[in-house]
Amino acid sequence: MTMLCQPEGSMLLLVDTQERLMPSIDDGEEVIRRCVQLATAARALGVYVVGTEENPDGLGPNVAAVRSLCDTTLAKFHFSAPAEPGFLERLPQGRTLVIAGCEAHVCVLQTTIGLLEAGYPVKWVADAVGSRNPADRAAATARARALGADVVTTEMVIFEWLRTSEHAQFRNLLKLVR
């Protein structure tokens, strides 16, 4: 099994990048920018993109830039998406879950733990997760790593998905990260 992220073996999960939540997230605009980069690359490379929305009636929908890039968006009320009835059954078996979104120390971390417990490999995209407090984000990233998530960055994922500068999407995606 390769440690590199492969598009044919991945699914991108964007957790709770919601309109009412994002203004309170530390460096929230950068988190959204990175989530959009990931989702844009995923779509260009045939990687399925799932968004989640925590209590959408209370927190509103995901920001439009993220929502428009998701193949599907699922409402949830548990902080851990895998605790939501039917969630795990909707995931393709054997895929690596590339995870980003908010809040790192609540929904992203609990979702990561649930996915790891269910046997899914998880790539935690450290520069594409956010929390209101930077210390919560740092602690969540450290805990996710200690529990078995592979901590990566947006560019690591994109360039691992591409594998080579000869890939047909290389020039397009290079523009995306520059």
N, C-alpha and C. Protein backbone atom coordinates (compact mmCIF):
# COMPACT_ATOMS: atom_id res chain seq x y z
N MET A 1 0.85 -1.19 0.00
CA MET A 1 0.00 0.00 0.00
C MET A 1 0.89 1.24 0.00
N THR A 2 0.63 2.15 -0.91
CA THR A 2 1.43 3.36 -1.00
C THR A 2 1.02 4.37 0.07
N MET A 3 1.99 5.12 0.53
CA MET A 3 1.71 6.19 1.49
C MET A 3 1.33 7.47 0.76
N LEU A 4 1.60 7.52 -0.55
CA LEU A 4 1.23 8.69 -1.33
C LEU A 4 -0.27 8.69 -1.60
N CYS A 5 -0.82 9.86 -1.70
CA CYS A 5 -2.24 10.01 -1.99
C CYS A 5 -2.46 9.81 -3.49
N GLN A 6 -3.37 8.92 -3.84
CA GLN A 6 -3.66 8.64 -5.24
C GLN A 6 -5.09 9.05 -5.55
N PRO A 7 -5.32 9.73 -6.67
CA PRO A 7 -6.68 10.20 -6.94
C PRO A 7 -7.69 9.06 -7.05
N GLU A 8 -7.30 7.96 -7.65
CA GLU A 8 -8.25 6.85 -7.81
C GLU A 8 -8.56 6.15 -6.49
N GLY A 9 -7.77 6.40 -5.46
CA GLY A 9 -8.01 5.78 -4.16
C GLY A 9 -8.41 6.77 -3.08
N SER A 10 -8.81 7.98 -3.49
CA SER A 10 -9.12 9.04 -2.52
C SER A 10 -10.56 9.52 -2.62
N MET A 11 -11.00 10.13 -1.54
CA MET A 11 -12.23 10.90 -1.51
C MET A 11 -11.94 12.13 -0.66
N LEU A 12 -12.39 13.30 -1.08
CA LEU A 12 -12.19 14.53 -0.33
C LEU A 12 -13.43 14.81 0.50
N LEU A 13 -13.22 15.05 1.80
CA LEU A 13 -14.30 15.35 2.73
C LEU A 13 -14.07 16.74 3.32
N LEU A 14 -14.96 17.67 2.99
CA LEU A 14 -14.87 19.05 3.46
C LEU A 14 -15.93 19.26 4.53
N VAL A 15 -15.46 19.45 5.75
CA VAL A 15 -16.32 19.46 6.93
C VAL A 15 -16.72 20.89 7.32
N ASP A 16 -18.00 21.18 7.27
CA ASP A 16 -18.61 22.33 7.93
C ASP A 16 -17.95 23.68 7.66
N THR A 17 -17.77 24.02 6.40
CA THR A 17 -17.23 25.34 6.04
C THR A 17 -18.42 26.29 5.85
N GLN A 18 -19.15 26.50 6.91
CA GLN A 18 -20.45 27.15 6.82
C GLN A 18 -20.41 28.67 6.96
N GLU A 19 -21.33 29.31 6.25
CA GLU A 19 -21.38 30.77 6.16
C GLU A 19 -21.36 31.46 7.52
N ARG A 20 -22.14 30.97 8.46
CA ARG A 20 -22.23 31.64 9.77
C ARG A 20 -21.06 31.30 10.67
N LEU A 21 -20.36 30.23 10.38
CA LEU A 21 -19.22 29.81 11.21
C LEU A 21 -17.92 30.46 10.76
N MET A 22 -17.72 30.58 9.47
CA MET A 22 -16.41 30.98 8.93
C MET A 22 -15.91 32.35 9.39
N PRO A 23 -16.77 33.36 9.58
CA PRO A 23 -16.24 34.65 10.05
C PRO A 23 -15.54 34.59 11.41
N SER A 24 -15.87 33.59 12.23
CA SER A 24 -15.25 33.48 13.55
C SER A 24 -14.01 32.57 13.56
N ILE A 25 -13.68 31.98 12.42
CA ILE A 25 -12.53 31.07 12.32
C ILE A 25 -11.25 31.88 12.12
N ASP A 26 -10.24 31.59 12.91
CA ASP A 26 -8.94 32.23 12.76
C ASP A 26 -8.42 31.95 11.35
N ASP A 27 -8.11 32.99 10.60
CA ASP A 27 -7.61 32.87 9.23
C ASP A 27 -8.59 32.09 8.34
N GLY A 28 -9.87 32.33 8.58
CA GLY A 28 -10.92 31.60 7.88
C GLY A 28 -10.87 31.74 6.36
N GLU A 29 -10.49 32.91 5.87
CA GLU A 29 -10.40 33.09 4.42
C GLU A 29 -9.35 32.18 3.81
N GLU A 30 -8.24 31.97 4.51
CA GLU A 30 -7.20 31.06 4.03
C GLU A 30 -7.68 29.61 4.07
N VAL A 31 -8.41 29.24 5.09
CA VAL A 31 -8.97 27.89 5.17
C VAL A 31 -9.89 27.65 3.98
N ILE A 32 -10.75 28.61 3.67
CA ILE A 32 -11.65 28.47 2.52
C ILE A 32 -10.84 28.39 1.23
N ARG A 33 -9.83 29.25 1.09
CA ARG A 33 -9.00 29.23 -0.12
C ARG A 33 -8.37 27.86 -0.33
N ARG A 34 -7.85 27.27 0.74
CA ARG A 34 -7.24 25.94 0.64
C ARG A 34 -8.28 24.87 0.34
N CYS A 35 -9.45 24.94 0.96
CA CYS A 35 -10.50 23.97 0.66
C CYS A 35 -10.93 24.05 -0.80
N VAL A 36 -11.01 25.28 -1.33
CA VAL A 36 -11.37 25.46 -2.74
C VAL A 36 -10.27 24.90 -3.64
N GLN A 37 -9.00 25.12 -3.29
CA GLN A 37 -7.91 24.54 -4.07
C GLN A 37 -8.02 23.01 -4.10
N LEU A 38 -8.22 22.41 -2.93
CA LEU A 38 -8.35 20.95 -2.85
C LEU A 38 -9.52 20.46 -3.70
N ALA A 39 -10.66 21.10 -3.55
CA ALA A 39 -11.85 20.64 -4.26
C ALA A 39 -11.72 20.86 -5.77
N THR A 40 -11.10 21.95 -6.17
CA THR A 40 -10.89 22.22 -7.59
C THR A 40 -9.97 21.15 -8.20
N ALA A 41 -8.89 20.86 -7.50
CA ALA A 41 -7.98 19.80 -7.97
C ALA A 41 -8.68 18.45 -7.99
N ALA A 42 -9.44 18.17 -6.94
CA ALA A 42 -10.16 16.89 -6.87
C ALA A 42 -11.09 16.74 -8.06
N ARG A 43 -11.85 17.77 -8.36
CA ARG A 43 -12.80 17.70 -9.48
C ARG A 43 -12.06 17.49 -10.80
N ALA A 44 -10.91 18.17 -10.97
CA ALA A 44 -10.13 18.04 -12.21
C ALA A 44 -9.56 16.64 -12.37
N LEU A 45 -9.35 15.95 -11.25
CA LEU A 45 -8.70 14.63 -11.27
C LEU A 45 -9.66 13.47 -11.01
N GLY A 46 -10.95 13.76 -10.96
CA GLY A 46 -11.93 12.70 -10.79
C GLY A 46 -12.08 12.18 -9.37
N VAL A 47 -11.67 12.97 -8.38
CA VAL A 47 -11.82 12.58 -6.97
C VAL A 47 -13.18 13.08 -6.48
N TYR A 48 -13.95 12.18 -5.89
CA TYR A 48 -15.28 12.53 -5.38
C TYR A 48 -15.14 13.47 -4.19
N VAL A 49 -15.99 14.52 -4.15
CA VAL A 49 -15.93 15.54 -3.10
C VAL A 49 -17.24 15.55 -2.33
N VAL A 50 -17.16 15.34 -1.02
CA VAL A 50 -18.32 15.37 -0.14
C VAL A 50 -18.16 16.52 0.84
N GLY A 51 -19.21 17.30 0.99
CA GLY A 51 -19.25 18.34 2.02
C GLY A 51 -20.21 17.92 3.11
N THR A 52 -19.95 18.41 4.32
CA THR A 52 -20.91 18.23 5.40
C THR A 52 -21.29 19.60 5.93
N GLU A 53 -22.51 19.68 6.46
CA GLU A 53 -23.01 20.90 7.10
C GLU A 53 -23.59 20.52 8.45
N GLU A 54 -23.01 21.06 9.51
CA GLU A 54 -23.48 20.83 10.88
C GLU A 54 -24.71 21.69 11.12
N ASN A 55 -25.81 21.07 11.47
CA ASN A 55 -27.04 21.79 11.80
C ASN A 55 -27.25 22.97 10.83
N PRO A 56 -27.50 22.68 9.56
CA PRO A 56 -27.56 23.75 8.55
C PRO A 56 -28.64 24.80 8.82
N ASP A 57 -29.72 24.44 9.52
CA ASP A 57 -30.73 25.45 9.85
C ASP A 57 -30.17 26.49 10.81
N GLY A 58 -29.24 26.07 11.68
CA GLY A 58 -28.65 26.99 12.65
C GLY A 58 -27.42 27.71 12.12
N LEU A 59 -26.56 27.00 11.38
CA LEU A 59 -25.29 27.58 10.92
C LEU A 59 -25.28 27.95 9.45
N GLY A 60 -26.37 27.69 8.77
CA GLY A 60 -26.44 28.02 7.36
C GLY A 60 -25.70 27.01 6.50
N PRO A 61 -25.75 27.23 5.18
CA PRO A 61 -25.07 26.31 4.26
C PRO A 61 -23.57 26.57 4.25
N ASN A 62 -22.84 25.65 3.62
CA ASN A 62 -21.42 25.89 3.37
C ASN A 62 -21.27 27.13 2.49
N VAL A 63 -20.12 27.79 2.60
CA VAL A 63 -19.88 28.95 1.74
C VAL A 63 -20.02 28.49 0.29
N ALA A 64 -20.53 29.37 -0.55
CA ALA A 64 -20.86 29.02 -1.93
C ALA A 64 -19.67 28.48 -2.70
N ALA A 65 -18.48 29.05 -2.47
CA ALA A 65 -17.29 28.62 -3.22
C ALA A 65 -16.96 27.16 -2.95
N VAL A 66 -17.23 26.68 -1.74
CA VAL A 66 -17.00 25.26 -1.41
C VAL A 66 -18.18 24.41 -1.86
N ARG A 67 -19.36 24.86 -1.53
CA ARG A 67 -20.57 24.07 -1.85
C ARG A 67 -20.66 23.76 -3.33
N SER A 68 -20.29 24.72 -4.19
CA SER A 68 -20.41 24.52 -5.63
C SER A 68 -19.45 23.46 -6.16
N LEU A 69 -18.41 23.12 -5.39
CA LEU A 69 -17.43 22.13 -5.83
C LEU A 69 -17.69 20.74 -5.26
N CYS A 70 -18.69 20.61 -4.39
CA CYS A 70 -18.99 19.31 -3.78
C CYS A 70 -19.91 18.51 -4.70
N ASP A 71 -19.59 17.22 -4.83
CA ASP A 71 -20.47 16.33 -5.57
C ASP A 71 -21.76 16.09 -4.80
N THR A 72 -21.66 16.09 -3.48
CA THR A 72 -22.82 15.95 -2.61
C THR A 72 -22.52 16.66 -1.30
N THR A 73 -23.58 17.15 -0.64
CA THR A 73 -23.45 17.78 0.66
C THR A 73 -24.44 17.11 1.60
N LEU A 74 -23.94 16.70 2.75
CA LEU A 74 -24.76 15.97 3.71
C LEU A 74 -24.96 16.79 4.98
N ALA A 75 -26.20 16.93 5.40
CA ALA A 75 -26.50 17.57 6.68
C ALA A 75 -26.15 16.60 7.80
N LYS A 76 -25.69 17.15 8.93
CA LYS A 76 -25.39 16.29 10.08
C LYS A 76 -25.68 17.05 11.36
N PHE A 77 -25.83 16.30 12.43
CA PHE A 77 -26.08 16.89 13.74
C PHE A 77 -25.08 16.37 14.77
N HIS A 78 -24.49 15.21 14.50
CA HIS A 78 -23.39 14.72 15.34
C HIS A 78 -22.14 15.49 14.94
N PHE A 79 -21.28 15.76 15.90
CA PHE A 79 -20.01 16.40 15.57
C PHE A 79 -19.17 15.47 14.69
N SER A 80 -19.24 14.18 14.97
CA SER A 80 -18.55 13.17 14.16
C SER A 80 -19.47 12.72 13.04
N ALA A 81 -19.10 13.02 11.80
CA ALA A 81 -19.92 12.60 10.66
C ALA A 81 -20.17 11.09 10.65
N PRO A 82 -19.17 10.24 10.97
CA PRO A 82 -19.44 8.80 10.98
C PRO A 82 -20.48 8.35 12.01
N ALA A 83 -20.77 9.18 13.00
CA ALA A 83 -21.81 8.84 13.97
C ALA A 83 -23.21 9.09 13.42
N GLU A 84 -23.30 9.81 12.32
CA GLU A 84 -24.58 10.11 11.67
C GLU A 84 -25.10 8.83 11.02
N PRO A 85 -26.36 8.45 11.26
CA PRO A 85 -26.90 7.24 10.65
C PRO A 85 -26.74 7.25 9.13
N GLY A 86 -26.19 6.16 8.60
CA GLY A 86 -26.04 5.99 7.17
C GLY A 86 -24.81 6.64 6.55
N PHE A 87 -24.05 7.42 7.32
CA PHE A 87 -22.90 8.13 6.75
C PHE A 87 -21.84 7.16 6.24
N LEU A 88 -21.40 6.24 7.08
CA LEU A 88 -20.34 5.32 6.68
C LEU A 88 -20.76 4.45 5.50
N GLU A 89 -22.03 4.11 5.43
CA GLU A 89 -22.52 3.27 4.33
C GLU A 89 -22.43 4.00 2.99
N ARG A 90 -22.37 5.32 3.02
CA ARG A 90 -22.29 6.10 1.78
C ARG A 90 -20.85 6.26 1.28
N LEU A 91 -19.87 5.86 2.09
CA LEU A 91 -18.47 6.00 1.70
C LEU A 91 -18.01 4.77 0.93
N PRO A 92 -17.26 4.98 -0.14
CA PRO A 92 -16.71 3.83 -0.85
C PRO A 92 -15.65 3.14 0.01
N GLN A 93 -15.68 1.83 0.02
CA GLN A 93 -14.71 1.06 0.80
C GLN A 93 -13.31 1.21 0.22
N GLY A 94 -12.31 1.15 1.08
CA GLY A 94 -10.92 1.13 0.64
C GLY A 94 -10.37 2.47 0.19
N ARG A 95 -11.11 3.54 0.37
CA ARG A 95 -10.64 4.87 -0.03
C ARG A 95 -9.91 5.55 1.12
N THR A 96 -8.94 6.36 0.76
CA THR A 96 -8.31 7.25 1.72
C THR A 96 -9.17 8.50 1.79
N LEU A 97 -9.51 8.93 3.00
CA LEU A 97 -10.30 10.13 3.18
C LEU A 97 -9.36 11.30 3.41
N VAL A 98 -9.38 12.24 2.50
CA VAL A 98 -8.62 13.48 2.62
C VAL A 98 -9.59 14.46 3.27
N ILE A 99 -9.23 14.96 4.48
CA ILE A 99 -10.19 15.73 5.27
C ILE A 99 -9.68 17.14 5.55
N ALA A 100 -10.61 18.09 5.45
CA ALA A 100 -10.32 19.50 5.72
C ALA A 100 -11.61 20.15 6.21
N GLY A 101 -11.52 21.36 6.73
CA GLY A 101 -12.71 22.10 7.14
C GLY A 101 -12.62 22.62 8.56
N CYS A 102 -13.79 22.72 9.21
CA CYS A 102 -13.89 23.36 10.52
C CYS A 102 -14.85 22.60 11.44
N GLU A 103 -14.80 22.81 12.70
CA GLU A 103 -13.67 23.30 13.43
C GLU A 103 -12.74 22.15 13.71
N ALA A 104 -11.46 22.42 13.60
CA ALA A 104 -10.44 21.37 13.70
C ALA A 104 -10.60 20.52 14.95
N HIS A 105 -10.83 21.17 16.09
CA HIS A 105 -10.84 20.46 17.38
C HIS A 105 -12.19 19.84 17.72
N VAL A 106 -13.20 20.08 16.90
CA VAL A 106 -14.52 19.52 17.19
C VAL A 106 -14.91 18.58 16.04
N CYS A 107 -15.56 19.10 15.02
CA CYS A 107 -16.11 18.25 13.97
C CYS A 107 -15.05 17.57 13.11
N VAL A 108 -13.97 18.27 12.77
CA VAL A 108 -12.95 17.63 11.93
C VAL A 108 -12.25 16.53 12.73
N LEU A 109 -11.90 16.81 13.98
CA LEU A 109 -11.22 15.80 14.80
C LEU A 109 -12.13 14.61 15.09
N GLN A 110 -13.37 14.87 15.51
CA GLN A 110 -14.26 13.76 15.83
C GLN A 110 -14.59 12.93 14.59
N THR A 111 -14.72 13.59 13.44
CA THR A 111 -14.94 12.86 12.20
C THR A 111 -13.72 12.01 11.86
N THR A 112 -12.53 12.58 12.02
CA THR A 112 -11.28 11.84 11.78
C THR A 112 -11.21 10.62 12.67
N ILE A 113 -11.49 10.78 13.95
CA ILE A 113 -11.45 9.66 14.89
C ILE A 113 -12.45 8.58 14.46
N GLY A 114 -13.66 8.98 14.11
CA GLY A 114 -14.67 8.01 13.66
C GLY A 114 -14.24 7.26 12.41
N LEU A 115 -13.62 7.97 11.48
CA LEU A 115 -13.14 7.33 10.25
C LEU A 115 -12.00 6.36 10.55
N LEU A 116 -11.07 6.77 11.41
CA LEU A 116 -9.96 5.88 11.78
C LEU A 116 -10.49 4.64 12.49
N GLU A 117 -11.44 4.83 13.40
CA GLU A 117 -12.03 3.68 14.10
C GLU A 117 -12.75 2.74 13.13
N ALA A 118 -13.29 3.28 12.05
CA ALA A 118 -13.99 2.47 11.05
C ALA A 118 -13.02 1.84 10.05
N GLY A 119 -11.71 2.11 10.21
CA GLY A 119 -10.70 1.48 9.37
C GLY A 119 -10.28 2.25 8.14
N TYR A 120 -10.72 3.49 8.00
CA TYR A 120 -10.33 4.30 6.85
C TYR A 120 -9.00 5.00 7.10
N PRO A 121 -8.11 5.00 6.12
CA PRO A 121 -6.93 5.85 6.21
C PRO A 121 -7.38 7.31 6.05
N VAL A 122 -6.77 8.19 6.83
CA VAL A 122 -7.15 9.60 6.80
C VAL A 122 -5.91 10.47 6.55
N LYS A 123 -6.05 11.41 5.61
CA LYS A 123 -5.06 12.46 5.38
C LYS A 123 -5.66 13.75 5.95
N TRP A 124 -5.05 14.28 6.99
CA TRP A 124 -5.50 15.51 7.66
C TRP A 124 -4.76 16.67 7.00
N VAL A 125 -5.48 17.53 6.29
CA VAL A 125 -4.84 18.62 5.54
C VAL A 125 -4.68 19.83 6.47
N ALA A 126 -3.51 19.92 7.09
CA ALA A 126 -3.27 20.84 8.19
C ALA A 126 -3.49 22.31 7.83
N ASP A 127 -3.18 22.71 6.61
CA ASP A 127 -3.36 24.11 6.25
C ASP A 127 -4.77 24.40 5.74
N ALA A 128 -5.64 23.41 5.73
CA ALA A 128 -7.01 23.57 5.26
C ALA A 128 -8.03 23.22 6.35
N VAL A 129 -7.58 23.20 7.60
CA VAL A 129 -8.48 23.04 8.74
C VAL A 129 -8.37 24.30 9.59
N GLY A 130 -9.45 24.65 10.24
CA GLY A 130 -9.43 25.86 11.05
C GLY A 130 -10.26 25.72 12.31
N SER A 131 -9.94 26.60 13.26
CA SER A 131 -10.68 26.73 14.51
C SER A 131 -10.71 28.21 14.87
N ARG A 132 -11.57 28.56 15.79
CA ARG A 132 -11.59 29.94 16.26
C ARG A 132 -10.28 30.29 16.96
N ASN A 133 -9.75 29.33 17.70
CA ASN A 133 -8.53 29.56 18.47
C ASN A 133 -7.40 28.76 17.85
N PRO A 134 -6.28 29.40 17.48
CA PRO A 134 -5.16 28.68 16.87
C PRO A 134 -4.62 27.54 17.75
N ALA A 135 -4.71 27.69 19.06
CA ALA A 135 -4.23 26.61 19.95
C ALA A 135 -5.09 25.36 19.81
N ASP A 136 -6.39 25.53 19.59
CA ASP A 136 -7.27 24.37 19.37
C ASP A 136 -6.90 23.67 18.07
N ARG A 137 -6.62 24.44 17.03
CA ARG A 137 -6.22 23.86 15.74
C ARG A 137 -4.93 23.07 15.89
N ALA A 138 -3.95 23.65 16.57
CA ALA A 138 -2.66 22.97 16.76
C ALA A 138 -2.82 21.69 17.57
N ALA A 139 -3.60 21.76 18.64
CA ALA A 139 -3.81 20.57 19.48
C ALA A 139 -4.55 19.48 18.70
N ALA A 140 -5.54 19.88 17.92
CA ALA A 140 -6.30 18.90 17.13
C ALA A 140 -5.41 18.23 16.09
N THR A 141 -4.55 19.01 15.45
CA THR A 141 -3.63 18.44 14.46
C THR A 141 -2.68 17.44 15.11
N ALA A 142 -2.14 17.81 16.26
CA ALA A 142 -1.24 16.90 16.99
C ALA A 142 -1.97 15.63 17.42
N ARG A 143 -3.19 15.77 17.90
CA ARG A 143 -3.95 14.60 18.34
C ARG A 143 -4.30 13.70 17.15
N ALA A 144 -4.72 14.31 16.04
CA ALA A 144 -5.05 13.51 14.84
C ALA A 144 -3.83 12.71 14.40
N ARG A 145 -2.66 13.34 14.40
CA ARG A 145 -1.42 12.64 14.02
C ARG A 145 -1.15 11.49 15.00
N ALA A 146 -1.26 11.75 16.28
CA ALA A 146 -0.98 10.72 17.29
C ALA A 146 -1.94 9.54 17.16
N LEU A 147 -3.16 9.78 16.71
CA LEU A 147 -4.15 8.72 16.57
C LEU A 147 -4.05 7.96 15.25
N GLY A 148 -3.18 8.45 14.34
CA GLY A 148 -2.95 7.69 13.10
C GLY A 148 -3.28 8.40 11.82
N ALA A 149 -3.77 9.63 11.89
CA ALA A 149 -4.00 10.38 10.64
C ALA A 149 -2.65 10.84 10.09
N ASP A 150 -2.53 10.83 8.79
CA ASP A 150 -1.34 11.32 8.11
C ASP A 150 -1.53 12.82 7.90
N VAL A 151 -0.69 13.63 8.54
CA VAL A 151 -0.83 15.08 8.44
C VAL A 151 -0.08 15.57 7.20
N VAL A 152 -0.82 16.26 6.33
CA VAL A 152 -0.31 16.72 5.04
C VAL A 152 -0.72 18.18 4.84
N THR A 153 -0.32 18.75 3.71
CA THR A 153 -0.77 20.09 3.33
C THR A 153 -1.51 20.00 1.99
N THR A 154 -2.16 21.08 1.65
CA THR A 154 -2.90 21.15 0.39
C THR A 154 -2.01 20.81 -0.80
N GLU A 155 -0.84 21.44 -0.87
CA GLU A 155 0.04 21.18 -2.01
C GLU A 155 0.58 19.76 -2.01
N MET A 156 0.83 19.19 -0.86
CA MET A 156 1.25 17.78 -0.82
C MET A 156 0.21 16.91 -1.50
N VAL A 157 -1.05 17.11 -1.14
CA VAL A 157 -2.14 16.30 -1.71
C VAL A 157 -2.22 16.51 -3.22
N ILE A 158 -2.24 17.75 -3.66
CA ILE A 158 -2.40 18.03 -5.08
C ILE A 158 -1.27 17.42 -5.90
N PHE A 159 -0.03 17.61 -5.45
CA PHE A 159 1.10 17.08 -6.22
C PHE A 159 1.21 15.56 -6.11
N GLU A 160 0.75 14.97 -5.01
CA GLU A 160 0.70 13.50 -4.95
C GLU A 160 -0.37 12.98 -5.89
N TRP A 161 -1.52 13.66 -5.95
CA TRP A 161 -2.56 13.25 -6.90
C TRP A 161 -2.04 13.33 -8.33
N LEU A 162 -1.25 14.35 -8.65
CA LEU A 162 -0.71 14.52 -10.01
C LEU A 162 0.38 13.50 -10.35
N ARG A 163 1.25 13.22 -9.38
CA ARG A 163 2.37 12.28 -9.51
C ARG A 163 3.50 12.71 -10.45
N THR A 164 3.21 13.46 -11.54
CA THR A 164 4.23 13.80 -12.52
C THR A 164 3.90 15.13 -13.19
N SER A 165 4.94 15.83 -13.60
CA SER A 165 4.74 17.08 -14.34
C SER A 165 4.23 16.81 -15.75
N GLU A 166 4.18 15.55 -16.14
CA GLU A 166 3.65 15.18 -17.45
C GLU A 166 2.14 14.91 -17.42
N HIS A 167 1.54 14.99 -16.24
CA HIS A 167 0.10 14.78 -16.12
C HIS A 167 -0.64 15.84 -16.94
N ALA A 168 -1.71 15.44 -17.59
CA ALA A 168 -2.47 16.36 -18.44
C ALA A 168 -3.01 17.58 -17.68
N GLN A 169 -3.23 17.45 -16.38
CA GLN A 169 -3.76 18.56 -15.57
C GLN A 169 -2.67 19.36 -14.85
N PHE A 170 -1.41 18.99 -15.05
CA PHE A 170 -0.33 19.62 -14.28
C PHE A 170 -0.33 21.14 -14.41
N ARG A 171 -0.34 21.66 -15.62
CA ARG A 171 -0.24 23.12 -15.82
C ARG A 171 -1.44 23.85 -15.21
N ASN A 172 -2.62 23.30 -15.39
CA ASN A 172 -3.82 23.91 -14.81
C ASN A 172 -3.76 23.96 -13.29
N LEU A 173 -3.32 22.86 -12.68
CA LEU A 173 -3.29 22.80 -11.23
C LEU A 173 -2.10 23.55 -10.66
N LEU A 174 -1.05 23.66 -11.42
CA LEU A 174 0.08 24.49 -10.99
C LEU A 174 -0.36 25.94 -10.85
N LYS A 175 -1.17 26.42 -11.79
CA LYS A 175 -1.72 27.78 -11.71
C LYS A 175 -2.58 27.94 -10.46
N LEU A 176 -3.27 26.89 -10.09
CA LEU A 176 -4.15 26.93 -8.93
C LEU A 176 -3.37 27.18 -7.63
N VAL A 177 -2.19 26.62 -7.51
CA VAL A 177 -1.43 26.75 -6.25
C VAL A 177 -0.46 27.92 -6.25
N ARG A 178 -0.28 28.56 -7.38
CA ARG A 178 0.66 29.69 -7.42
C ARG A 178 -0.01 30.99 -7.17
